[in-house]
PDB file of N, CA and C in Angstrom:
ATOM      1  N   UNK A   1     172.764  21.171 155.881  1.00  0.00           N
ATOM      2  CA  UNK A   1     172.785  20.371 154.760  1.00  0.00           C
ATOM      3  C   UNK A   1     171.639  20.700 153.903  1.00  0.00           C
ATOM      4  N   UNK A   2     170.682  21.402 154.511  1.00  0.00           N
ATOM      5  CA  UNK A   2     169.556  21.984 153.341  1.00  0.00           C
ATOM      6  C   UNK A   2     170.068  23.165 152.629  1.00  0.00           C
ATOM      7  N   UNK A   3     171.020  23.959 153.385  1.00  0.00           N
ATOM      8  CA  UNK A   3     171.572  24.953 152.546  1.00  0.00           C
ATOM      9  C   UNK A   3     172.434  24.650 151.278  1.00  0.00           C
ATOM     10  N   UNK A   4     173.404  23.416 151.712  1.00  0.00           N
ATOM     11  CA  UNK A   4     174.078  22.867 150.612  1.00  0.00           C
ATOM     12  C   UNK A   4     173.348  22.647 149.453  1.00  0.00           C
ATOM     13  N   UNK A   5     172.303  21.658 149.696  1.00  0.00           N
ATOM     14  CA  UNK A   5     171.325  21.488 148.474  1.00  0.00           C
ATOM     15  C   UNK A   5     170.796  22.428 147.917  1.00  0.00           C
ATOM     16  N   UNK A   6     170.362  23.547 148.550  1.00  0.00           N
ATOM     17  CA  UNK A   6     169.757  24.724 147.838  1.00  0.00           C
ATOM     18  C   UNK A   6     170.959  25.383 147.060  1.00  0.00           C
ATOM     19  N   UNK A   7     172.052  25.496 147.591  1.00  0.00           N
ATOM     20  CA  UNK A   7     173.211  25.955 146.799  1.00  0.00           C
ATOM     21  C   UNK A   7     173.634  25.442 145.649  1.00  0.00           C
ATOM     22  N   UNK A   8     173.625  24.092 145.732  1.00  0.00           N
ATOM     23  CA  UNK A   8     173.798  23.204 144.387  1.00  0.00           C
ATOM     24  C   UNK A   8     172.935  23.369 143.246  1.00  0.00           C
ATOM     25  N   UNK A   9     171.553  23.476 143.850  1.00  0.00           N
ATOM     26  CA  UNK A   9     170.493  23.784 143.122  1.00  0.00           C
ATOM     27  C   UNK A   9     170.572  25.043 142.341  1.00  0.00           C
ATOM     28  N   UNK A  10     170.969  26.170 143.053  1.00  0.00           N
ATOM     29  CA  UNK A  10     171.143  27.449 142.518  1.00  0.00           C
ATOM     30  C   UNK A  10     172.296  27.371 141.380  1.00  0.00           C
ATOM     31  N   UNK A  11     173.289  26.821 141.690  1.00  0.00           N
ATOM     32  CA  UNK A  11     174.435  26.694 140.831  1.00  0.00           C
ATOM     33  C   UNK A  11     174.074  25.969 139.637  1.00  0.00           C
ATOM     34  N   UNK A  12     173.332  24.914 139.633  1.00  0.00           N
ATOM     35  CA  UNK A  12     172.751  24.116 138.538  1.00  0.00           C
ATOM     36  C   UNK A  12     171.979  24.831 137.614  1.00  0.00           C
ATOM     37  N   UNK A  13     171.061  25.548 138.256  1.00  0.00           N
ATOM     38  CA  UNK A  13     170.072  26.312 137.478  1.00  0.00           C
ATOM     39  C   UNK A  13     170.765  27.568 136.816  1.00  0.00           C
ATOM     40  N   UNK A  14     171.742  28.050 137.476  1.00  0.00           N
ATOM     41  CA  UNK A  14     172.473  29.330 136.738  1.00  0.00           C
ATOM     42  C   UNK A  14     173.246  28.773 135.586  1.00  0.00           C
ATOM     43  N   UNK A  15     173.959  27.721 135.492  1.00  0.00           N
ATOM     44  CA  UNK A  15     174.616  27.122 134.551  1.00  0.00           C
ATOM     45  C   UNK A  15     173.727  26.417 133.578  1.00  0.00           C
ATOM     46  N   UNK A  16     172.471  25.985 133.849  1.00  0.00           N
ATOM     47  CA  UNK A  16     171.524  25.753 132.926  1.00  0.00           C
ATOM     48  C   UNK A  16     171.098  27.029 132.047  1.00  0.00           C
ATOM     49  N   UNK A  17     170.858  28.112 132.806  1.00  0.00           N
ATOM     50  CA  UNK A  17     170.245  29.389 132.121  1.00  0.00           C
ATOM     51  C   UNK A  17     171.638  29.947 131.194  1.00  0.00           C
ATOM     52  N   UNK A  18     172.867  29.802 131.732  1.00  0.00           N
ATOM     53  CA  UNK A  18     173.951  30.234 130.893  1.00  0.00           C
ATOM     54  C   UNK A  18     174.021  29.537 129.519  1.00  0.00           C
ATOM     55  N   UNK A  19     173.746  28.167 129.632  1.00  0.00           N
ATOM     56  CA  UNK A  19     173.842  27.410 128.561  1.00  0.00           C
ATOM     57  C   UNK A  19     172.802  27.657 127.515  1.00  0.00           C
ATOM     58  N   UNK A  20     171.697  27.870 127.846  1.00  0.00           N
ATOM     59  CA  UNK A  20     170.645  28.025 126.841  1.00  0.00           C
ATOM     60  C   UNK A  20     170.596  29.786 126.424  1.00  0.00           C
ATOM     61  N   UNK A  21     170.968  30.578 127.011  1.00  0.00           N
ATOM     62  CA  UNK A  21     171.172  31.942 126.889  1.00  0.00           C
ATOM     63  C   UNK A  21     172.526  32.241 125.954  1.00  0.00           C
ATOM     64  N   UNK A  22     173.716  31.616 126.094  1.00  0.00           N
ATOM     65  CA  UNK A  22     174.850  31.878 125.655  1.00  0.00           C
ATOM     66  C   UNK A  22     175.637  31.000 124.695  1.00  0.00           C
ATOM     67  N   UNK A  23     175.666  29.788 125.298  1.00  0.00           N
ATOM     68  CA  UNK A  23     176.466  28.877 124.758  1.00  0.00           C
ATOM     69  C   UNK A  23     175.636  28.219 123.419  1.00  0.00           C
ATOM     70  N   UNK A  24     174.590  27.794 123.707  1.00  0.00           N
ATOM     71  CA  UNK A  24     173.827  27.003 122.639  1.00  0.00           C
ATOM     72  C   UNK A  24     173.585  28.168 121.451  1.00  0.00           C
ATOM     73  N   UNK A  25     172.967  29.289 121.467  1.00  0.00           N
ATOM     74  CA  UNK A  25     173.036  30.320 120.271  1.00  0.00           C
ATOM     75  C   UNK A  25     174.254  30.359 119.718  1.00  0.00           C
ATOM     76  N   UNK A  26     175.537  30.526 120.311  1.00  0.00           N
ATOM     77  CA  UNK A  26     176.630  30.514 119.688  1.00  0.00           C
ATOM     78  C   UNK A  26     177.044  29.447 118.680  1.00  0.00           C
ATOM     79  N   UNK A  27     176.686  28.180 119.263  1.00  0.00           N
ATOM     80  CA  UNK A  27     176.840  27.139 118.692  1.00  0.00           C
ATOM     81  C   UNK A  27     176.299  26.929 117.423  1.00  0.00           C
ATOM     82  N   UNK A  28     174.962  27.311 117.683  1.00  0.00           N
ATOM     83  CA  UNK A  28     174.066  27.266 116.108  1.00  0.00           C
ATOM     84  C   UNK A  28     174.439  28.263 115.111  1.00  0.00           C
ATOM     85  N   UNK A  29     175.178  29.458 115.656  1.00  0.00           N
ATOM     86  CA  UNK A  29     175.506  30.545 114.831  1.00  0.00           C
ATOM     87  C   UNK A  29     176.844  29.893 114.122  1.00  0.00           C
ATOM     88  N   UNK A  30     177.579  29.325 114.756  1.00  0.00           N
ATOM     89  CA  UNK A  30     178.888  28.954 114.290  1.00  0.00           C
ATOM     90  C   UNK A  30     178.670  27.816 113.202  1.00  0.00           C
ATOM     91  N   UNK A  31     177.593  26.859 113.386  1.00  0.00           N
ATOM     92  CA  UNK A  31     177.262  25.907 112.481  1.00  0.00           C
ATOM     93  C   UNK A  31     176.739  26.425 111.192  1.00  0.00           C
ATOM     94  N   UNK A  32     175.965  27.367 111.346  1.00  0.00           N
ATOM     95  CA  UNK A  32     175.422  28.044 110.102  1.00  0.00           C
ATOM     96  C   UNK A  32     176.313  28.780 109.335  1.00  0.00           C
ATOM     97  N   UNK A  33     177.235  29.513 109.972  1.00  0.00           N
ATOM     98  CA  UNK A  33     178.515  30.138 109.399  1.00  0.00           C
ATOM     99  C   UNK A  33     179.316  29.023 108.511  1.00  0.00           C
ATOM    100  N   UNK A  34     179.465  27.822 109.238  1.00  0.00           N
ATOM    101  CA  UNK A  34     180.226  26.801 108.517  1.00  0.00           C
ATOM    102  C   UNK A  34     179.673  26.290 107.404  1.00  0.00           C
ATOM    103  N   UNK A  35     178.407  26.084 107.456  1.00  0.00           N
ATOM    104  CA  UNK A  35     177.594  25.565 106.321  1.00  0.00           C
ATOM    105  C   UNK A  35     177.754  26.739 105.104  1.00  0.00           C
ATOM    106  N   UNK A  36     177.659  28.000 105.673  1.00  0.00           N
ATOM    107  CA  UNK A  36     177.718  28.857 104.460  1.00  0.00           C
ATOM    108  C   UNK A  36     179.084  28.859 103.697  1.00  0.00           C
ATOM    109  N   UNK A  37     180.087  28.911 104.521  1.00  0.00           N
ATOM    110  CA  UNK A  37     181.404  28.859 104.013  1.00  0.00           C
ATOM    111  C   UNK A  37     181.681  27.754 103.353  1.00  0.00           C
ATOM    112  N   UNK A  38     181.353  26.422 103.640  1.00  0.00           N
ATOM    113  CA  UNK A  38     181.434  25.311 102.878  1.00  0.00           C
ATOM    114  C   UNK A  38     180.606  25.066 101.513  1.00  0.00           C
ATOM    115  N   UNK A  39     179.628  25.967 101.400  1.00  0.00           N
ATOM    116  CA  UNK A  39     178.621  25.997 100.388  1.00  0.00           C
ATOM    117  C   UNK A  39     179.046  27.100  99.338  1.00  0.00           C
ATOM    118  N   UNK A  40     180.109  27.971  99.473  1.00  0.00           N
ATOM    119  CA  UNK A  40     180.542  28.754  98.444  1.00  0.00           C
ATOM    120  C   UNK A  40     180.661  28.085  97.071  1.00  0.00           C
ATOM    121  N   UNK A  41     180.170  28.882  96.108  1.00  0.00           N
ATOM    122  CA  UNK A  41     180.417  28.264  94.668  1.00  0.00           C
ATOM    123  C   UNK A  41     180.684  29.567  93.866  1.00  0.00           C
ATOM    124  N   UNK A  42     181.024  29.150  92.556  1.00  0.00           N
ATOM    125  CA  UNK A  42     181.343  30.116  91.701  1.00  0.00           C
ATOM    126  C   UNK A  42     180.115  30.862  91.286  1.00  0.00           C
ATOM    127  N   UNK A  43     180.186  32.185  90.970  1.00  0.00           N
ATOM    128  CA  UNK A  43     179.147  33.286  90.486  1.00  0.00           C
ATOM    129  C   UNK A  43     178.332  33.591  91.718  1.00  0.00           C
ATOM    130  N   UNK A  44     178.769  33.242  93.064  1.00  0.00           N
ATOM    131  CA  UNK A  44     178.166  33.844  94.351  1.00  0.00           C
ATOM    132  C   UNK A  44     178.444  35.191  94.584  1.00  0.00           C
ATOM    133  N   UNK A  45     177.764  36.073  94.529  1.00  0.00           N
ATOM    134  CA  UNK A  45     178.257  37.353  95.021  1.00  0.00           C
ATOM    135  C   UNK A  45     178.183  37.485  96.419  1.00  0.00           C
ATOM    136  N   UNK A  46     179.384  38.097  96.910  1.00  0.00           N
ATOM    137  CA  UNK A  46     179.650  37.928  98.228  1.00  0.00           C
ATOM    138  C   UNK A  46     180.126  39.554  98.994  1.00  0.00           C
ATOM    139  N   UNK A  47     180.088  39.493 100.224  1.00  0.00           N
ATOM    140  CA  UNK A  47     180.682  40.673 100.786  1.00  0.00           C
ATOM    141  C   UNK A  47     181.700  40.144 101.854  1.00  0.00           C
ATOM    142  N   UNK A  48     182.912  40.897 101.875  1.00  0.00           N
ATOM    143  CA  UNK A  48     183.731  40.159 102.977  1.00  0.00           C
ATOM    144  C   UNK A  48     183.558  40.911 104.158  1.00  0.00           C
ATOM    145  N   UNK A  49     184.313  40.678 105.184  1.00  0.00           N
ATOM    146  CA  UNK A  49     184.225  41.053 106.548  1.00  0.00           C
ATOM    147  C   UNK A  49     184.772  42.626 106.505  1.00  0.00           C
ATOM    148  N   UNK A  50     185.655  42.802 105.504  1.00  0.00           N
ATOM    149  CA  UNK A  50     185.945  44.103 105.258  1.00  0.00           C
ATOM    150  C   UNK A  50     185.411  45.140 104.476  1.00  0.00           C
ATOM    151  N   UNK A  51     184.093  44.418 103.868  1.00  0.00           N
ATOM    152  CA  UNK A  51     183.287  45.388 103.097  1.00  0.00           C
ATOM    153  C   UNK A  51     183.516  45.471 101.819  1.00  0.00           C
ATOM    154  N   UNK A  52     184.431  44.446 101.353  1.00  0.00           N
ATOM    155  CA  UNK A  52     184.589  44.352  99.759  1.00  0.00           C
ATOM    156  C   UNK A  52     183.374  43.730  98.987  1.00  0.00           C
ATOM    157  N   UNK A  53     183.027  44.037  97.878  1.00  0.00           N
ATOM    158  CA  UNK A  53     181.659  43.324  97.205  1.00  0.00           C
ATOM    159  C   UNK A  53     182.596  42.744  95.980  1.00  0.00           C
ATOM    160  N   UNK A  54     182.139  41.618  95.771  1.00  0.00           N
ATOM    161  CA  UNK A  54     182.801  40.830  94.853  1.00  0.00           C
ATOM    162  C   UNK A  54     182.165  39.681  94.306  1.00  0.00           C
ATOM    163  N   UNK A  55     182.563  38.985  92.980  1.00  0.00           N
ATOM    164  CA  UNK A  55     181.860  37.768  92.473  1.00  0.00           C
ATOM    165  C   UNK A  55     182.748  36.834  92.627  1.00  0.00           C
ATOM    166  N   UNK A  56     182.573  35.619  93.125  1.00  0.00           N
ATOM    167  CA  UNK A  56     183.591  34.445  93.200  1.00  0.00           C
ATOM    168  C   UNK A  56     183.763  33.971  91.982  1.00  0.00           C
ATOM    169  N   UNK A  57     184.957  33.893  91.279  1.00  0.00           N
ATOM    170  CA  UNK A  57     185.386  33.391  90.034  1.00  0.00           C
ATOM    171  C   UNK A  57     185.993  31.758  90.176  1.00  0.00           C
ATOM    172  N   UNK A  58     186.748  31.585  91.387  1.00  0.00           N
ATOM    173  CA  UNK A  58     187.356  30.401  91.659  1.00  0.00           C
ATOM    174  C   UNK A  58     187.436  30.039  93.170  1.00  0.00           C
ATOM    175  N   UNK A  59     187.045  28.506  93.589  1.00  0.00           N
ATOM    176  CA  UNK A  59     187.026  28.409  94.863  1.00  0.00           C
ATOM    177  C   UNK A  59     187.965  27.378  95.285  1.00  0.00           C
ATOM    178  N   UNK A  60     189.091  27.843  96.279  1.00  0.00           N
ATOM    179  CA  UNK A  60     189.969  26.711  96.431  1.00  0.00           C
ATOM    180  C   UNK A  60     189.618  26.120  97.797  1.00  0.00           C
ATOM    181  N   UNK A  61     190.664  25.387  98.396  1.00  0.00           N
ATOM    182  CA  UNK A  61     190.257  24.756  99.620  1.00  0.00           C
ATOM    183  C   UNK A  61     190.130  25.708 100.770  1.00  0.00           C
ATOM    184  N   UNK A  62     191.139  26.817 101.081  1.00  0.00           N
ATOM    185  CA  UNK A  62     191.005  27.491 102.114  1.00  0.00           C
ATOM    186  C   UNK A  62     190.550  29.093 101.650  1.00  0.00           C
ATOM    187  N   UNK A  63     190.639  29.273 100.465  1.00  0.00           N
ATOM    188  CA  UNK A  63     190.404  30.641  99.935  1.00  0.00           C
ATOM    189  C   UNK A  63     189.507  30.628  98.707  1.00  0.00           C
ATOM    190  N   UNK A  64     188.929  31.780  98.411  1.00  0.00           N
ATOM    191  CA  UNK A  64     188.067  32.190  96.982  1.00  0.00           C
ATOM    192  C   UNK A  64     189.111  33.208  96.417  1.00  0.00           C
ATOM    193  N   UNK A  65     188.763  33.273  95.097  1.00  0.00           N
ATOM    194  CA  UNK A  65     189.207  34.259  94.144  1.00  0.00           C
ATOM    195  C   UNK A  65     187.990  35.167  93.758  1.00  0.00           C
ATOM    196  N   UNK A  66     187.946  36.516  94.308  1.00  0.00           N
ATOM    197  CA  UNK A  66     186.854  37.371  94.015  1.00  0.00           C
ATOM    198  C   UNK A  66     187.168  38.274  92.739  1.00  0.00           C
ATOM    199  N   UNK A  67     186.177  38.515  91.845  1.00  0.00           N
ATOM    200  CA  UNK A  67     186.494  39.562  90.900  1.00  0.00           C
ATOM    201  C   UNK A  67     185.574  40.765  91.345  1.00  0.00           C
ATOM    202  N   UNK A  68     186.478  41.762  91.627  1.00  0.00           N
ATOM    203  CA  UNK A  68     185.927  43.014  92.405  1.00  0.00           C
ATOM    204  C   UNK A  68     185.573  44.051  91.306  1.00  0.00           C
ATOM    205  N   UNK A  69     186.212  44.059  90.131  1.00  0.00           N
ATOM    206  CA  UNK A  69     186.041  44.848  89.075  1.00  0.00           C
ATOM    207  C   UNK A  69     186.440  44.229  87.884  1.00  0.00           C
ATOM    208  N   UNK A  70     186.375  44.923  86.614  1.00  0.00           N
ATOM    209  CA  UNK A  70     186.828  44.259  85.310  1.00  0.00           C
ATOM    210  C   UNK A  70     188.403  44.126  85.505  1.00  0.00           C
ATOM    211  N   UNK A  71     188.984  42.668  85.250  1.00  0.00           N
ATOM    212  CA  UNK A  71     190.096  42.671  85.363  1.00  0.00           C
ATOM    213  C   UNK A  71     190.730  42.561  86.547  1.00  0.00           C
ATOM    214  N   UNK A  72     189.990  43.000  87.614  1.00  0.00           N
ATOM    215  CA  UNK A  72     190.546  43.135  88.937  1.00  0.00           C
ATOM    216  C   UNK A  72     190.245  41.708  89.770  1.00  0.00           C
ATOM    217  N   UNK A  73     191.181  41.034  90.210  1.00  0.00           N
ATOM    218  CA  UNK A  73     191.023  39.755  91.074  1.00  0.00           C
ATOM    219  C   UNK A  73     191.699  39.845  92.305  1.00  0.00           C
ATOM    220  N   UNK A  74     191.176  39.400  93.338  1.00  0.00           N
ATOM    221  CA  UNK A  74     191.776  39.212  94.817  1.00  0.00           C
ATOM    222  C   UNK A  74     191.600  37.997  95.319  1.00  0.00           C
ATOM    223  N   UNK A  75     192.526  37.570  96.097  1.00  0.00           N
ATOM    224  CA  UNK A  75     192.328  36.304  96.847  1.00  0.00           C
ATOM    225  C   UNK A  75     192.106  36.383  98.191  1.00  0.00           C
ATOM    226  N   UNK A  76     190.988  35.685  98.769  1.00  0.00           N
ATOM    227  CA  UNK A  76     190.459  35.976 100.106  1.00  0.00           C
ATOM    228  C   UNK A  76     190.320  34.806 100.763  1.00  0.00           C
ATOM    229  N   UNK A  77     190.763  34.714 102.085  1.00  0.00           N
ATOM    230  CA  UNK A  77     190.377  33.339 102.856  1.00  0.00           C
ATOM    231  C   UNK A  77     189.092  33.304 103.003  1.00  0.00           C
ATOM    232  N   UNK A  78     188.574  32.094 103.074  1.00  0.00           N
ATOM    233  CA  UNK A  78     187.166  31.807 103.135  1.00  0.00           C
ATOM    234  C   UNK A  78     186.584  32.082 104.352  1.00  0.00           C
ATOM    235  N   UNK A  79     187.260  32.254 105.479  1.00  0.00           N
ATOM    236  CA  UNK A  79     186.925  32.889 106.754  1.00  0.00           C
ATOM    237  C   UNK A  79     186.606  34.574 106.586  1.00  0.00           C
ATOM    238  N   UNK A  80     187.303  35.147 105.631  1.00  0.00           N
ATOM    239  CA  UNK A  80     186.948  36.479 105.443  1.00  0.00           C
ATOM    240  C   UNK A  80     185.670  36.929 104.807  1.00  0.00           C
ATOM    241  N   UNK A  81     184.945  35.871 104.238  1.00  0.00           N
ATOM    242  CA  UNK A  81     183.491  36.125 103.601  1.00  0.00           C
ATOM    243  C   UNK A  81     182.550  36.502 104.620  1.00  0.00           C
ATOM    244  N   UNK A  82     181.912  37.457 104.722  1.00  0.00           N
ATOM    245  CA  UNK A  82     180.946  37.778 105.630  1.00  0.00           C
ATOM    246  C   UNK A  82     179.473  37.362 105.279  1.00  0.00           C
ATOM    247  N   UNK A  83     179.346  37.525 104.050  1.00  0.00           N
ATOM    248  CA  UNK A  83     177.761  37.095 103.843  1.00  0.00           C
ATOM    249  C   UNK A  83     177.675  37.008 102.209  1.00  0.00           C
ATOM    250  N   UNK A  84     176.841  36.297 101.828  1.00  0.00           N
ATOM    251  CA  UNK A  84     176.447  35.833 100.200  1.00  0.00           C
ATOM    252  C   UNK A  84     175.296  36.585  99.978  1.00  0.00           C
ATOM    253  N   UNK A  85     175.345  37.494  98.964  1.00  0.00           N
ATOM    254  CA  UNK A  85     174.305  38.384  98.586  1.00  0.00           C
ATOM    255  C   UNK A  85     173.176  37.848  97.624  1.00  0.00           C
ATOM    256  N   UNK A  86     173.450  37.027  96.730  1.00  0.00           N
ATOM    257  CA  UNK A  86     172.588  36.483  95.866  1.00  0.00           C
ATOM    258  C   UNK A  86     171.654  35.485  96.607  1.00  0.00           C
ATOM    259  N   UNK A  87     172.228  34.891  97.517  1.00  0.00           N
ATOM    260  CA  UNK A  87     171.371  33.721  98.260  1.00  0.00           C
ATOM    261  C   UNK A  87     170.281  34.338  99.181  1.00  0.00           C
ATOM    262  N   UNK A  88     170.559  35.762  99.571  1.00  0.00           N
ATOM    263  CA  UNK A  88     169.601  36.604 100.190  1.00  0.00           C
ATOM    264  C   UNK A  88     168.451  36.881  99.405  1.00  0.00           C
ATOM    265  N   UNK A  89     168.764  37.157  98.139  1.00  0.00           N
ATOM    266  CA  UNK A  89     167.795  37.608  97.350  1.00  0.00           C
ATOM    267  C   UNK A  89     166.844  36.531  96.766  1.00  0.00           C
ATOM    268  N   UNK A  90     167.469  35.443  96.684  1.00  0.00           N
ATOM    269  CA  UNK A  90     166.827  34.019  96.134  1.00  0.00           C
ATOM    270  C   UNK A  90     165.909  33.633  97.298  1.00  0.00           C
ATOM    271  N   UNK A  91     166.219  33.795  98.711  1.00  0.00           N
ATOM    272  CA  UNK A  91     165.326  33.485  99.619  1.00  0.00           C
ATOM    273  C   UNK A  91     164.091  34.457  99.848  1.00  0.00           C
ATOM    274  N   UNK A  92     164.385  35.588  99.790  1.00  0.00           N
ATOM    275  CA  UNK A  92     163.368  36.469  99.901  1.00  0.00           C
ATOM    276  C   UNK A  92     162.263  36.544  98.795  1.00  0.00           C
ATOM    277  N   UNK A  93     162.577  36.146  97.578  1.00  0.00           N
ATOM    278  CA  UNK A  93     161.733  36.336  96.346  1.00  0.00           C
ATOM    279  C   UNK A  93     160.867  35.019  96.261  1.00  0.00           C
ATOM    280  N   UNK A  94     159.717  34.996  96.228  1.00  0.00           N
ATOM    281  CA  UNK A  94     158.848  33.949  95.845  1.00  0.00           C
ATOM    282  C   UNK A  94     159.058  33.456  94.596  1.00  0.00           C
ATOM    283  N   UNK A  95     159.255  32.144  94.495  1.00  0.00           N
ATOM    284  CA  UNK A  95     159.259  31.451  92.996  1.00  0.00           C
ATOM    285  C   UNK A  95     157.847  31.342  92.622  1.00  0.00           C
ATOM    286  N   UNK A  96     157.250  32.404  91.989  1.00  0.00           N
ATOM    287  CA  UNK A  96     156.066  32.415  91.462  1.00  0.00           C
ATOM    288  C   UNK A  96     155.926  32.813  89.949  1.00  0.00           C
ATOM    289  N   UNK A  97     155.471  32.308  89.147  1.00  0.00           N
ATOM    290  CA  UNK A  97     155.468  32.759  87.806  1.00  0.00           C
ATOM    291  C   UNK A  97     154.494  33.701  87.674  1.00  0.00           C
ATOM    292  N   UNK A  98     154.770  34.915  86.897  1.00  0.00           N
ATOM    293  CA  UNK A  98     153.909  35.966  86.815  1.00  0.00           C
ATOM    294  C   UNK A  98     153.025  35.769  85.563  1.00  0.00           C
ATOM    295  N   UNK A  99     151.611  36.049  85.711  1.00  0.00           N
ATOM    296  CA  UNK A  99     150.665  35.994  84.510  1.00  0.00           C
ATOM    297  C   UNK A  99     150.722  37.388  83.899  1.00  0.00           C
ATOM    298  N   UNK A 100     149.972  37.267  82.653  1.00  0.00           N
ATOM    299  CA  UNK A 100     149.966  38.718  81.954  1.00  0.00           C
ATOM    300  C   UNK A 100     149.284  39.675  82.830  1.00  0.00           C
ATOM    301  N   UNK A 101     148.232  39.264  83.524  1.00  0.00           N
ATOM    302  CA  UNK A 101     147.459  40.317  84.276  1.00  0.00           C
ATOM    303  C   UNK A 101     148.516  41.027  85.340  1.00  0.00           C
ATOM    304  N   UNK A 102     149.275  40.125  85.936  1.00  0.00           N
ATOM    305  CA  UNK A 102     150.193  40.678  87.072  1.00  0.00           C
ATOM    306  C   UNK A 102     151.302  41.665  86.484  1.00  0.00           C
ATOM    307  N   UNK A 103     151.670  41.396  85.394  1.00  0.00           N
ATOM    308  CA  UNK A 103     152.673  42.232  84.622  1.00  0.00           C
ATOM    309  C   UNK A 103     152.142  43.467  84.375  1.00  0.00           C
ATOM    310  N   UNK A 104     151.014  43.540  83.709  1.00  0.00           N
ATOM    311  CA  UNK A 104     150.341  44.673  83.383  1.00  0.00           C
ATOM    312  C   UNK A 104     150.125  45.601  84.715  1.00  0.00           C
ATOM    313  N   UNK A 105     149.626  44.988  85.854  1.00  0.00           N
ATOM    314  CA  UNK A 105     149.422  45.761  87.126  1.00  0.00           C
ATOM    315  C   UNK A 105     150.516  46.516  87.546  1.00  0.00           C
ATOM    316  N   UNK A 106     151.994  45.781  87.404  1.00  0.00           N
ATOM    317  CA  UNK A 106     152.950  46.440  87.801  1.00  0.00           C
ATOM    318  C   UNK A 106     153.295  47.612  87.084  1.00  0.00           C
ATOM    319  N   UNK A 107     153.145  47.692  85.711  1.00  0.00           N
ATOM    320  CA  UNK A 107     153.259  48.822  84.784  1.00  0.00           C
ATOM    321  C   UNK A 107     152.177  49.775  84.860  1.00  0.00           C
ATOM    322  N   UNK A 108     152.433  51.170  85.075  1.00  0.00           N
ATOM    323  CA  UNK A 108     151.408  51.890  84.907  1.00  0.00           C
ATOM    324  C   UNK A 108     150.771  52.201  83.586  1.00  0.00           C
ATOM    325  N   UNK A 109     149.843  52.799  83.132  1.00  0.00           N
ATOM    326  CA  UNK A 109     149.166  52.750  81.953  1.00  0.00           C
ATOM    327  C   UNK A 109     150.005  53.167  80.971  1.00  0.00           C
ATOM    328  N   UNK A 110     150.604  54.435  81.055  1.00  0.00           N
ATOM    329  CA  UNK A 110     151.319  55.116  80.261  1.00  0.00           C
ATOM    330  C   UNK A 110     152.641  54.284  79.831  1.00  0.00           C
ATOM    331  N   UNK A 111     153.249  53.684  80.635  1.00  0.00           N
ATOM    332  CA  UNK A 111     154.359  52.866  80.550  1.00  0.00           C
ATOM    333  C   UNK A 111     154.072  51.540  79.854  1.00  0.00           C
ATOM    334  N   UNK A 112     152.702  50.902  80.073  1.00  0.00           N
ATOM    335  CA  UNK A 112     152.503  49.797  79.372  1.00  0.00           C
ATOM    336  C   UNK A 112     152.440  50.077  77.790  1.00  0.00           C
ATOM    337  N   UNK A 113     152.008  51.020  77.458  1.00  0.00           N
ATOM    338  CA  UNK A 113     151.869  51.372  75.842  1.00  0.00           C
ATOM    339  C   UNK A 113     153.286  51.415  75.448  1.00  0.00           C
ATOM    340  N   UNK A 114     154.256  51.984  76.099  1.00  0.00           N
ATOM    341  CA  UNK A 114     155.632  52.120  75.615  1.00  0.00           C
ATOM    342  C   UNK A 114     156.392  50.918  75.402  1.00  0.00           C
ATOM    343  N   UNK A 115     156.052  49.958  76.528  1.00  0.00           N
ATOM    344  CA  UNK A 115     156.589  48.496  76.543  1.00  0.00           C
ATOM    345  C   UNK A 115     156.306  47.841  75.306  1.00  0.00           C
ATOM    346  N   UNK A 116     154.927  48.027  74.763  1.00  0.00           N
ATOM    347  CA  UNK A 116     154.588  47.151  73.697  1.00  0.00           C
ATOM    348  C   UNK A 116     154.948  47.735  72.405  1.00  0.00           C
TER     349      UNK A 116
END
């Protein structure tokens, strides 16, 4: 009787660990991917899962039209979008206005004279 309880306890702990290590992170990743795909908009720069870089020019229900070069457009399924590039850049850059002193610090002395 005691062995049965301990076996059931071990099985329950095993499934608990499996849930928190495998199933839950996968569900979180799936939700974030679904949010990314549903928030695609015109002028987003994206990379497809095949490695094609392009800019969205039209968003349809299940697909997007990408401009990959001048006068070259392709239609890609939304599920084929791997990442959105310009959103990564916006998230990484702090939105702080630069003052005149900070602008001069960025330019070396020789280049500051050329810029003016």
